[in-house]
Structure formats: structure tokens, C-alpha cells
N, C-alpha and C. Protein backbone atom coordinates (compact mmCIF):
# COMPACT_ATOMS: atom_id res chain seq x y z
N UNK A 1 -59.41 -54.70 -3.74
CA UNK A 1 -59.74 -53.22 -3.55
C UNK A 1 -58.33 -52.32 -3.82
N UNK A 2 -58.32 -51.38 -4.76
CA UNK A 2 -57.29 -50.66 -4.82
C UNK A 2 -57.67 -49.25 -4.45
N UNK A 3 -56.90 -49.09 -3.10
CA UNK A 3 -57.26 -47.88 -2.28
C UNK A 3 -56.29 -46.90 -2.68
N UNK A 4 -56.82 -45.56 -2.88
CA UNK A 4 -55.95 -44.42 -3.22
C UNK A 4 -54.96 -44.22 -2.21
N UNK A 5 -53.74 -43.80 -2.78
CA UNK A 5 -52.76 -43.62 -1.70
C UNK A 5 -53.16 -41.97 -1.23
N UNK A 6 -52.39 -41.68 -0.10
CA UNK A 6 -52.81 -40.48 0.62
C UNK A 6 -52.56 -39.23 -0.12
N UNK A 7 -51.22 -39.27 -0.72
CA UNK A 7 -50.93 -37.92 -1.59
C UNK A 7 -51.85 -37.48 -2.62
N UNK A 8 -52.20 -38.73 -3.42
CA UNK A 8 -53.14 -38.51 -4.25
C UNK A 8 -54.46 -38.30 -4.01
N UNK A 9 -55.02 -38.71 -2.98
CA UNK A 9 -56.10 -38.45 -2.20
C UNK A 9 -56.10 -36.92 -2.11
N UNK A 10 -55.34 -36.23 -1.35
CA UNK A 10 -55.25 -34.92 -1.06
C UNK A 10 -54.91 -34.21 -2.31
N UNK A 11 -54.21 -34.50 -3.50
CA UNK A 11 -54.16 -33.85 -4.48
C UNK A 11 -55.51 -33.84 -5.46
N UNK A 12 -56.25 -34.92 -5.26
CA UNK A 12 -57.70 -35.05 -5.74
C UNK A 12 -58.47 -34.05 -5.38
N UNK A 13 -58.18 -33.65 -4.11
CA UNK A 13 -59.22 -32.55 -3.32
C UNK A 13 -58.73 -31.33 -4.04
N UNK A 14 -57.34 -30.94 -3.94
CA UNK A 14 -56.80 -30.00 -4.45
C UNK A 14 -57.27 -29.65 -6.00
N UNK A 15 -57.14 -30.68 -6.82
CA UNK A 15 -57.65 -30.36 -7.98
C UNK A 15 -59.48 -30.17 -8.08
N UNK A 16 -60.03 -30.52 -7.08
CA UNK A 16 -61.51 -30.26 -7.15
C UNK A 16 -61.53 -28.66 -6.67
N UNK A 17 -60.75 -28.08 -5.60
CA UNK A 17 -60.62 -26.82 -5.06
C UNK A 17 -60.39 -25.99 -6.37
N UNK A 18 -59.32 -26.35 -7.36
CA UNK A 18 -59.03 -25.49 -8.26
C UNK A 18 -60.35 -24.97 -9.33
N UNK A 19 -61.35 -25.68 -9.11
CA UNK A 19 -62.56 -25.58 -9.92
C UNK A 19 -63.47 -24.26 -9.50
N UNK A 20 -63.02 -23.80 -8.50
CA UNK A 20 -63.42 -22.38 -8.10
C UNK A 20 -62.83 -21.47 -8.44
N UNK A 21 -61.55 -21.49 -9.23
CA UNK A 21 -60.65 -20.49 -9.65
C UNK A 21 -61.24 -19.63 -10.64
N UNK A 22 -60.87 -18.62 -10.69
CA UNK A 22 -61.38 -17.53 -11.71
C UNK A 22 -60.42 -17.03 -12.79
N UNK A 23 -59.12 -17.49 -12.72
CA UNK A 23 -58.12 -17.17 -13.58
C UNK A 23 -58.38 -17.61 -14.92
N UNK A 24 -58.08 -16.94 -15.95
CA UNK A 24 -58.20 -17.26 -17.40
C UNK A 24 -57.11 -18.01 -17.99
N UNK A 25 -55.77 -18.03 -17.10
CA UNK A 25 -54.57 -18.43 -17.68
C UNK A 25 -54.50 -19.87 -16.87
N UNK A 26 -54.31 -19.90 -15.89
CA UNK A 26 -54.00 -20.99 -14.90
C UNK A 26 -54.90 -21.13 -13.70
N UNK A 27 -55.59 -22.20 -13.70
CA UNK A 27 -56.19 -22.49 -12.19
C UNK A 27 -55.29 -23.37 -11.35
N UNK A 28 -55.14 -22.98 -10.16
CA UNK A 28 -54.51 -23.63 -9.09
C UNK A 28 -55.36 -23.97 -7.90
N UNK A 29 -55.23 -25.06 -7.47
CA UNK A 29 -55.79 -25.17 -6.00
C UNK A 29 -55.04 -25.82 -5.16
N UNK A 30 -55.09 -25.41 -3.86
CA UNK A 30 -54.06 -25.73 -2.80
C UNK A 30 -55.02 -26.18 -1.62
N UNK A 31 -54.29 -27.27 -1.11
CA UNK A 31 -54.92 -27.77 0.41
C UNK A 31 -53.73 -27.55 1.31
N UNK A 32 -54.12 -27.28 2.57
CA UNK A 32 -52.87 -27.59 3.82
C UNK A 32 -53.52 -28.56 4.49
N UNK A 33 -52.61 -29.58 4.98
CA UNK A 33 -52.94 -30.83 5.52
C UNK A 33 -51.83 -31.07 6.66
N UNK A 34 -52.17 -30.89 7.87
CA UNK A 34 -51.41 -31.61 9.06
C UNK A 34 -51.89 -32.45 9.88
N UNK A 35 -51.32 -33.60 9.97
CA UNK A 35 -51.81 -34.66 10.98
C UNK A 35 -52.95 -35.18 10.22
N UNK A 36 -52.97 -35.42 9.06
CA UNK A 36 -53.96 -35.76 8.29
C UNK A 36 -55.58 -35.23 8.58
N UNK A 37 -55.25 -33.96 8.70
CA UNK A 37 -56.43 -33.07 8.94
C UNK A 37 -56.18 -31.59 7.76
N UNK A 38 -57.30 -31.52 7.25
CA UNK A 38 -57.24 -30.46 6.25
C UNK A 38 -57.52 -29.08 6.98
N UNK A 39 -56.32 -28.60 6.92
CA UNK A 39 -56.28 -27.12 7.66
C UNK A 39 -57.14 -25.93 6.94
N UNK A 40 -56.81 -26.13 5.48
CA UNK A 40 -57.65 -24.95 4.57
C UNK A 40 -57.43 -25.15 3.22
N UNK A 41 -58.00 -24.65 2.44
CA UNK A 41 -58.01 -24.59 1.09
C UNK A 41 -58.09 -23.38 0.24
N UNK A 42 -57.47 -23.28 -0.97
CA UNK A 42 -57.45 -22.10 -1.49
C UNK A 42 -57.39 -22.04 -3.01
N UNK A 43 -57.74 -21.13 -3.63
CA UNK A 43 -57.80 -21.12 -5.30
C UNK A 43 -57.55 -19.97 -5.75
N UNK A 44 -57.04 -19.63 -6.82
CA UNK A 44 -56.62 -18.24 -7.43
C UNK A 44 -57.77 -17.57 -7.77
N UNK A 45 -58.16 -16.35 -7.41
CA UNK A 45 -59.35 -15.55 -7.53
C UNK A 45 -58.89 -14.16 -7.16
N UNK A 46 -59.37 -13.18 -7.59
CA UNK A 46 -59.46 -11.71 -7.12
C UNK A 46 -59.68 -11.65 -5.70
N UNK A 47 -59.15 -10.69 -5.00
CA UNK A 47 -59.80 -10.46 -3.63
C UNK A 47 -61.21 -10.00 -3.46
N UNK A 48 -61.52 -10.62 -2.28
CA UNK A 48 -63.29 -10.29 -2.05
C UNK A 48 -63.65 -8.99 -2.23
N UNK A 49 -64.67 -9.11 -3.12
CA UNK A 49 -65.38 -8.05 -3.61
C UNK A 49 -65.00 -7.29 -4.85
N UNK A 50 -63.89 -7.79 -5.42
CA UNK A 50 -63.51 -7.18 -6.61
C UNK A 50 -63.70 -8.01 -7.69
N UNK A 51 -63.95 -7.60 -8.83
CA UNK A 51 -64.09 -8.28 -10.23
C UNK A 51 -62.98 -9.33 -10.37
N UNK A 52 -63.35 -10.62 -10.75
CA UNK A 52 -62.61 -11.62 -11.21
C UNK A 52 -62.14 -11.28 -12.66
N UNK A 53 -61.06 -11.88 -13.23
CA UNK A 53 -60.52 -12.02 -14.53
C UNK A 53 -61.84 -12.68 -15.42
N UNK A 54 -62.45 -13.71 -14.74
CA UNK A 54 -63.50 -14.65 -15.45
C UNK A 54 -64.76 -13.57 -15.66
N UNK A 55 -65.02 -12.65 -14.84
CA UNK A 55 -66.17 -11.71 -14.68
C UNK A 55 -65.81 -10.76 -15.93
N UNK A 56 -64.62 -10.15 -15.84
CA UNK A 56 -64.15 -9.10 -16.95
C UNK A 56 -63.93 -9.68 -18.36
N UNK A 57 -63.70 -11.00 -18.45
CA UNK A 57 -63.37 -11.58 -19.80
C UNK A 57 -62.21 -11.41 -20.18
N UNK A 58 -61.22 -10.61 -19.46
CA UNK A 58 -59.84 -10.54 -19.71
C UNK A 58 -58.84 -10.90 -18.77
N UNK A 59 -57.61 -11.37 -19.13
CA UNK A 59 -56.56 -11.52 -17.97
C UNK A 59 -55.53 -10.42 -18.30
N UNK A 60 -55.17 -9.26 -17.66
CA UNK A 60 -54.35 -8.39 -17.98
C UNK A 60 -53.01 -8.78 -18.44
N UNK A 61 -52.42 -9.88 -17.65
CA UNK A 61 -51.02 -10.18 -17.96
C UNK A 61 -51.04 -10.72 -19.26
N UNK A 62 -52.16 -11.56 -19.84
CA UNK A 62 -52.44 -12.25 -21.30
C UNK A 62 -52.39 -11.06 -22.09
N UNK A 63 -53.20 -10.01 -22.06
CA UNK A 63 -53.37 -9.02 -22.74
C UNK A 63 -52.02 -8.11 -23.13
N UNK A 64 -51.17 -8.11 -21.96
CA UNK A 64 -49.96 -7.56 -22.37
C UNK A 64 -48.82 -8.49 -22.99
N UNK A 65 -49.17 -9.66 -23.04
CA UNK A 65 -48.36 -10.75 -23.44
C UNK A 65 -47.14 -11.21 -22.40
N UNK A 66 -47.36 -10.83 -21.01
CA UNK A 66 -46.46 -11.38 -20.22
C UNK A 66 -46.45 -12.76 -20.09
N UNK A 67 -44.92 -13.28 -19.83
CA UNK A 67 -44.75 -14.88 -19.90
C UNK A 67 -44.96 -15.42 -18.69
N UNK A 68 -45.31 -16.68 -18.65
CA UNK A 68 -45.73 -17.35 -17.53
C UNK A 68 -44.43 -17.18 -16.38
N UNK A 69 -44.84 -16.90 -14.97
CA UNK A 69 -43.69 -16.67 -14.11
C UNK A 69 -43.30 -15.47 -14.05
N UNK A 70 -43.95 -14.46 -14.62
CA UNK A 70 -43.21 -13.01 -14.73
C UNK A 70 -44.32 -11.99 -14.30
N UNK A 71 -43.97 -10.85 -13.63
CA UNK A 71 -44.89 -9.67 -13.39
C UNK A 71 -46.03 -9.96 -12.67
N UNK A 72 -46.19 -10.76 -11.68
CA UNK A 72 -47.31 -11.17 -11.01
C UNK A 72 -48.19 -10.06 -10.25
N UNK A 73 -47.31 -8.81 -10.24
CA UNK A 73 -47.84 -7.76 -9.66
C UNK A 73 -49.00 -7.11 -10.35
N UNK A 74 -48.90 -7.49 -11.83
CA UNK A 74 -50.22 -7.07 -12.74
C UNK A 74 -51.51 -7.97 -12.63
N UNK A 75 -51.27 -8.87 -12.15
CA UNK A 75 -52.34 -10.17 -11.83
C UNK A 75 -53.29 -9.50 -10.83
N UNK A 76 -54.70 -9.86 -11.33
CA UNK A 76 -55.72 -9.28 -10.39
C UNK A 76 -56.11 -10.27 -9.09
N UNK A 77 -55.53 -11.51 -9.28
CA UNK A 77 -55.60 -12.84 -8.25
C UNK A 77 -54.73 -12.70 -7.10
N UNK A 78 -55.42 -13.21 -6.00
CA UNK A 78 -54.56 -13.79 -5.00
C UNK A 78 -54.34 -15.22 -5.33
N UNK A 79 -53.13 -15.55 -5.14
CA UNK A 79 -52.55 -17.13 -5.56
C UNK A 79 -53.16 -17.85 -4.71
N UNK A 80 -53.40 -19.23 -5.29
CA UNK A 80 -54.06 -20.37 -4.13
C UNK A 80 -53.29 -20.44 -3.11
N UNK A 81 -51.71 -20.48 -3.12
CA UNK A 81 -50.98 -20.91 -2.05
C UNK A 81 -51.46 -19.80 -1.03
N UNK A 82 -51.36 -18.52 -1.18
CA UNK A 82 -51.68 -17.50 -0.60
C UNK A 82 -53.19 -17.55 0.21
N UNK A 83 -54.06 -17.97 -0.50
CA UNK A 83 -55.50 -17.90 -0.02
C UNK A 83 -55.53 -19.07 0.98
N UNK A 84 -54.78 -20.07 0.60
CA UNK A 84 -54.62 -21.19 1.54
C UNK A 84 -54.11 -20.85 3.00
N UNK A 85 -52.99 -19.99 2.69
CA UNK A 85 -52.11 -19.72 3.95
C UNK A 85 -52.82 -18.69 4.89
N UNK A 86 -53.48 -17.61 4.22
CA UNK A 86 -54.11 -16.61 5.11
C UNK A 86 -55.70 -17.19 5.70
N UNK A 87 -55.96 -18.25 5.27
CA UNK A 87 -57.26 -19.14 6.00
C UNK A 87 -57.04 -19.87 7.06
N UNK A 88 -55.60 -19.88 7.45
CA UNK A 88 -54.91 -20.90 8.39
C UNK A 88 -54.13 -20.13 9.36
N UNK A 89 -54.17 -20.63 10.69
CA UNK A 89 -53.16 -20.11 11.77
C UNK A 89 -51.81 -20.72 11.50
N UNK A 90 -50.82 -19.92 12.03
CA UNK A 90 -49.54 -20.56 11.79
C UNK A 90 -49.47 -21.54 12.49
N UNK A 91 -49.86 -21.85 13.73
CA UNK A 91 -49.81 -22.92 14.61
C UNK A 91 -50.37 -24.12 13.99
N UNK A 92 -51.18 -23.98 13.36
CA UNK A 92 -51.96 -25.24 12.68
C UNK A 92 -50.99 -25.57 11.33
N UNK A 93 -50.36 -24.72 10.61
CA UNK A 93 -49.43 -24.89 9.62
C UNK A 93 -48.11 -25.53 9.93
N UNK A 94 -47.49 -25.28 11.01
CA UNK A 94 -46.27 -25.72 11.25
C UNK A 94 -45.98 -27.32 11.23
N UNK A 95 -45.10 -27.78 10.31
CA UNK A 95 -44.84 -29.12 10.00
C UNK A 95 -46.09 -29.68 8.93
N UNK A 96 -46.81 -28.85 8.32
CA UNK A 96 -47.93 -29.27 7.38
C UNK A 96 -47.32 -29.60 5.89
N UNK A 97 -48.06 -30.04 5.15
CA UNK A 97 -47.87 -30.34 3.78
C UNK A 97 -48.95 -29.35 2.86
N UNK A 98 -48.34 -28.92 2.04
CA UNK A 98 -49.35 -28.18 1.05
C UNK A 98 -49.24 -28.86 -0.25
N UNK A 99 -50.41 -29.30 -0.71
CA UNK A 99 -50.81 -29.97 -1.95
C UNK A 99 -51.35 -28.93 -2.95
N UNK A 100 -50.70 -28.99 -4.33
CA UNK A 100 -51.09 -28.24 -5.27
C UNK A 100 -51.32 -28.88 -6.59
N UNK A 101 -52.69 -28.33 -7.27
CA UNK A 101 -52.65 -29.04 -8.58
C UNK A 101 -52.91 -27.75 -9.40
N UNK A 102 -52.64 -27.61 -10.73
CA UNK A 102 -52.84 -26.79 -11.45
C UNK A 102 -52.90 -27.03 -12.79
N UNK A 103 -54.13 -26.35 -13.42
CA UNK A 103 -54.32 -26.81 -14.87
C UNK A 103 -54.51 -25.47 -15.72
N UNK A 104 -54.32 -25.67 -17.01
CA UNK A 104 -54.59 -24.36 -17.79
C UNK A 104 -55.80 -24.13 -17.91
N UNK A 105 -56.28 -22.99 -17.96
CA UNK A 105 -57.62 -22.61 -17.96
C UNK A 105 -58.30 -22.94 -19.40
N UNK A 106 -57.66 -22.87 -20.31
CA UNK A 106 -58.24 -22.82 -21.76
C UNK A 106 -58.39 -24.37 -22.03
N UNK A 107 -57.46 -25.13 -21.55
CA UNK A 107 -57.40 -26.71 -21.97
C UNK A 107 -58.27 -27.56 -20.98
N UNK A 108 -57.93 -27.02 -19.69
CA UNK A 108 -58.29 -27.92 -18.59
C UNK A 108 -57.44 -29.19 -18.38
N UNK A 109 -56.00 -29.15 -18.84
CA UNK A 109 -54.86 -30.07 -18.82
C UNK A 109 -54.03 -29.56 -17.56
N UNK A 110 -53.79 -30.81 -16.94
CA UNK A 110 -52.71 -30.37 -15.75
C UNK A 110 -51.58 -29.92 -16.34
N UNK A 111 -50.83 -28.97 -15.59
CA UNK A 111 -49.59 -28.37 -15.72
C UNK A 111 -48.52 -29.10 -14.98
N UNK A 112 -47.66 -30.21 -15.58
CA UNK A 112 -46.59 -30.70 -14.83
C UNK A 112 -45.50 -30.06 -14.31
N UNK A 113 -44.96 -30.01 -13.37
CA UNK A 113 -43.76 -29.65 -12.99
C UNK A 113 -43.97 -28.06 -12.39
N UNK A 114 -45.50 -27.70 -12.18
CA UNK A 114 -45.87 -26.43 -11.76
C UNK A 114 -45.09 -26.13 -10.44
N UNK A 115 -44.98 -24.90 -9.90
CA UNK A 115 -44.14 -24.38 -8.96
C UNK A 115 -44.57 -23.07 -8.42
N UNK A 116 -44.77 -23.14 -6.97
CA UNK A 116 -44.90 -21.72 -6.50
C UNK A 116 -44.26 -20.64 -7.02
N UNK A 117 -44.82 -19.41 -7.11
CA UNK A 117 -44.14 -18.39 -7.55
C UNK A 117 -43.15 -17.82 -6.19
N UNK A 118 -42.24 -16.97 -6.44
CA UNK A 118 -41.20 -16.54 -5.56
C UNK A 118 -41.97 -16.08 -4.32
N UNK A 119 -42.90 -15.13 -4.69
CA UNK A 119 -43.72 -14.51 -3.49
C UNK A 119 -44.49 -15.78 -2.50
N UNK A 120 -45.18 -16.55 -3.16
CA UNK A 120 -45.78 -17.67 -2.57
C UNK A 120 -44.70 -18.56 -2.00
N UNK A 121 -43.72 -18.78 -2.16
CA UNK A 121 -42.35 -19.75 -1.79
C UNK A 121 -42.13 -18.83 -0.48
N UNK A 122 -42.07 -17.68 -0.30
CA UNK A 122 -41.64 -16.84 0.85
C UNK A 122 -42.81 -17.03 1.86
N UNK A 123 -44.13 -17.02 1.49
CA UNK A 123 -45.27 -17.20 2.45
C UNK A 123 -45.12 -18.58 2.85
N UNK A 124 -45.10 -19.47 2.12
CA UNK A 124 -44.84 -21.03 2.42
C UNK A 124 -43.90 -21.16 3.41
N UNK A 125 -42.65 -20.59 3.15
CA UNK A 125 -41.67 -20.49 4.44
C UNK A 125 -42.03 -20.15 5.75
N UNK A 126 -42.37 -18.83 5.54
CA UNK A 126 -42.82 -18.35 6.69
C UNK A 126 -44.18 -18.98 7.60
N UNK A 127 -44.93 -19.63 6.82
CA UNK A 127 -45.94 -20.16 7.28
C UNK A 127 -45.69 -21.58 8.40
N UNK A 128 -44.31 -22.01 7.91
CA UNK A 128 -43.98 -22.84 8.76
C UNK A 128 -44.29 -24.42 8.01
N UNK A 129 -44.66 -24.27 6.94
CA UNK A 129 -45.10 -25.39 6.04
C UNK A 129 -43.96 -26.36 5.65
N UNK A 130 -43.83 -27.60 5.86
CA UNK A 130 -42.62 -28.54 5.66
C UNK A 130 -42.51 -28.85 4.36
N UNK A 131 -43.48 -29.41 3.57
CA UNK A 131 -43.48 -29.90 2.38
C UNK A 131 -44.35 -29.37 1.49
N UNK A 132 -44.29 -29.47 -0.09
CA UNK A 132 -45.09 -29.03 -0.85
C UNK A 132 -45.17 -30.06 -1.91
N UNK A 133 -46.66 -30.65 -2.09
CA UNK A 133 -46.52 -31.63 -2.98
C UNK A 133 -47.29 -31.38 -4.29
N UNK A 134 -46.74 -31.49 -5.37
CA UNK A 134 -47.44 -30.78 -6.78
C UNK A 134 -47.73 -31.97 -7.60
N UNK A 135 -49.15 -31.92 -8.21
CA UNK A 135 -49.55 -32.95 -9.20
C UNK A 135 -49.08 -32.60 -10.55
N UNK A 136 -48.49 -33.79 -11.01
CA UNK A 136 -47.86 -33.68 -12.44
C UNK A 136 -48.82 -34.31 -13.43
N UNK A 137 -49.43 -35.61 -12.94
CA UNK A 137 -50.48 -36.36 -13.92
C UNK A 137 -51.59 -36.82 -12.65
N UNK A 138 -52.64 -37.46 -13.42
CA UNK A 138 -53.66 -37.58 -12.10
C UNK A 138 -53.16 -38.72 -11.24
N UNK A 139 -51.83 -39.46 -11.59
CA UNK A 139 -51.42 -40.28 -10.43
C UNK A 139 -49.91 -40.14 -10.00
N UNK A 140 -49.18 -39.14 -10.52
CA UNK A 140 -47.94 -38.77 -10.07
C UNK A 140 -47.77 -37.17 -9.76
N UNK A 141 -46.62 -37.32 -8.90
CA UNK A 141 -46.66 -35.84 -8.16
C UNK A 141 -45.06 -35.80 -7.78
N UNK A 142 -44.61 -34.56 -7.55
CA UNK A 142 -43.21 -34.20 -7.09
C UNK A 142 -43.41 -33.58 -5.88
N UNK A 143 -42.45 -34.20 -4.69
CA UNK A 143 -42.51 -33.60 -3.60
C UNK A 143 -41.33 -32.85 -3.31
N UNK A 144 -41.51 -31.59 -2.85
CA UNK A 144 -40.52 -30.69 -2.38
C UNK A 144 -40.48 -30.26 -0.99
N UNK A 145 -38.94 -30.35 -0.26
CA UNK A 145 -38.84 -29.95 1.05
C UNK A 145 -38.83 -28.38 1.09
N UNK A 146 -39.61 -27.88 1.79
CA UNK A 146 -39.55 -26.20 1.96
C UNK A 146 -38.23 -25.91 2.42
N UNK A 147 -37.24 -26.65 3.01
CA UNK A 147 -36.05 -26.25 3.37
C UNK A 147 -35.35 -26.02 2.21
N UNK A 148 -35.55 -26.50 1.13
CA UNK A 148 -34.81 -26.18 -0.16
C UNK A 148 -35.11 -24.93 -0.88
N UNK A 149 -36.35 -24.41 -0.49
CA UNK A 149 -36.87 -23.16 -0.69
C UNK A 149 -35.92 -22.05 -0.03
N UNK A 150 -35.80 -22.36 1.07
CA UNK A 150 -34.78 -21.72 1.90
C UNK A 150 -33.51 -21.50 1.23
N UNK A 151 -32.92 -22.79 1.22
CA UNK A 151 -31.48 -22.66 0.68
C UNK A 151 -31.43 -22.10 -0.89
N UNK A 152 -32.48 -22.25 -1.59
CA UNK A 152 -32.44 -21.40 -2.95
C UNK A 152 -33.16 -19.93 -2.76
N UNK A 153 -32.25 -19.33 -2.25
CA UNK A 153 -32.78 -17.77 -2.18
C UNK A 153 -32.84 -17.22 -3.44
N UNK A 154 -34.18 -16.91 -3.63
CA UNK A 154 -34.31 -15.97 -4.92
C UNK A 154 -34.18 -14.33 -4.90
N UNK A 155 -33.35 -14.07 -3.88
CA UNK A 155 -33.26 -12.52 -4.00
C UNK A 155 -32.38 -12.17 -5.41
N UNK A 156 -32.99 -11.21 -5.80
CA UNK A 156 -32.32 -10.73 -7.08
C UNK A 156 -31.32 -9.75 -7.18
N UNK A 157 -30.15 -9.87 -7.54
CA UNK A 157 -29.03 -9.06 -7.24
C UNK A 157 -29.20 -7.64 -7.85
N UNK A 158 -28.93 -6.73 -7.08
CA UNK A 158 -29.31 -5.24 -7.63
C UNK A 158 -28.99 -4.89 -8.83
N UNK A 159 -27.87 -5.30 -9.48
CA UNK A 159 -27.59 -4.97 -10.91
C UNK A 159 -28.45 -5.53 -12.00
N UNK A 160 -29.23 -6.45 -11.46
CA UNK A 160 -30.67 -7.15 -12.33
C UNK A 160 -31.88 -6.61 -12.20
N UNK A 161 -32.13 -5.66 -11.09
CA UNK A 161 -33.19 -4.91 -10.96
C UNK A 161 -33.51 -3.88 -12.27
N UNK A 162 -34.73 -3.70 -12.68
CA UNK A 162 -35.13 -2.82 -13.23
C UNK A 162 -36.13 -1.93 -13.12
N UNK A 163 -35.92 -0.63 -13.44
CA UNK A 163 -37.25 -0.10 -13.42
C UNK A 163 -38.08 0.01 -14.29
N UNK A 164 -39.61 -0.18 -13.64
CA UNK A 164 -40.64 -0.17 -14.61
C UNK A 164 -40.99 0.88 -15.14
């Protein structure tokens, strides 16, 4: 009997969670696990009560030609990581692991080497999450220590800031 390893087991669940996503570009599933207990799940979608991009039939960022990883303030969705974090208490998340799976919404293919955006990284740090494990293929993944997110400060120098 070939038993699935724990990391891939939780990543399989995160990949199932992303199927609830409503983003037309990328669908992400997130689960937070602590002491082998799933604390919460999250997927990318508009705030409760607001129309999703899938309902509207368009993605504002795609319509404007915004490259991946930029101008998230234009996105209608709350990110999967953020949705998982706001669904759990900080006490439950301290020392936990966040599992992420991301697929291209058009092709359904996994996006290897995906990474939380800078705003989600900040929330992950403050939530007390210890590790982030990101699916690359159905059987491989990358492990990130959140302490590295702290050290890789994403603050933009003032001279690089631009006015919208």
C-alpha cells in the first residue's frame, strides 16, 4: 500500500478548495493546519455579497493588461490566504502551516513556484503561521519558512513609489 505523505495530502485538499474560486485568472486554495488539524480553508473570491468576476464575466486586471503580481488593489477578490486567515483565530494559527495550490483558471494547470503576494505575506507573518507549503506538481512542493518572509522585507523605497 502506497500511503500519501502528509504534505501532499493537505495540498490535495487545498487543490480541492480552489475549485470554489471565482477568479478568471488564477484560482488558489489555501488551508491552515496545526497539529494535524485543519483550522480553516480559503479560496479566492469577491467579498461576501459582492459579484464575483466569474459572475461578471470579466477580470478588471486582465482587461487593463495588468501583469501577474502587480496592482492587486484593482482585483475584486479576497485572496485565498487572506480568507483562510480571517476564518481562524490567531491562537489556532500560531506555529501552523499554510498549504497553497494555484491553477491557471483558463487551463486548469498547476502554476509551479507560486508565491503569496506581499500583502498576504504580511498577513501570514502576523497570523503566527510558521511555514508555507506550495504545490508545484501533483507530487512536488516547495517549503517556505515564514521567518524568511520577515527577513525579506518587501518595503518599497520611497523613490520607487509612483502616484496612480
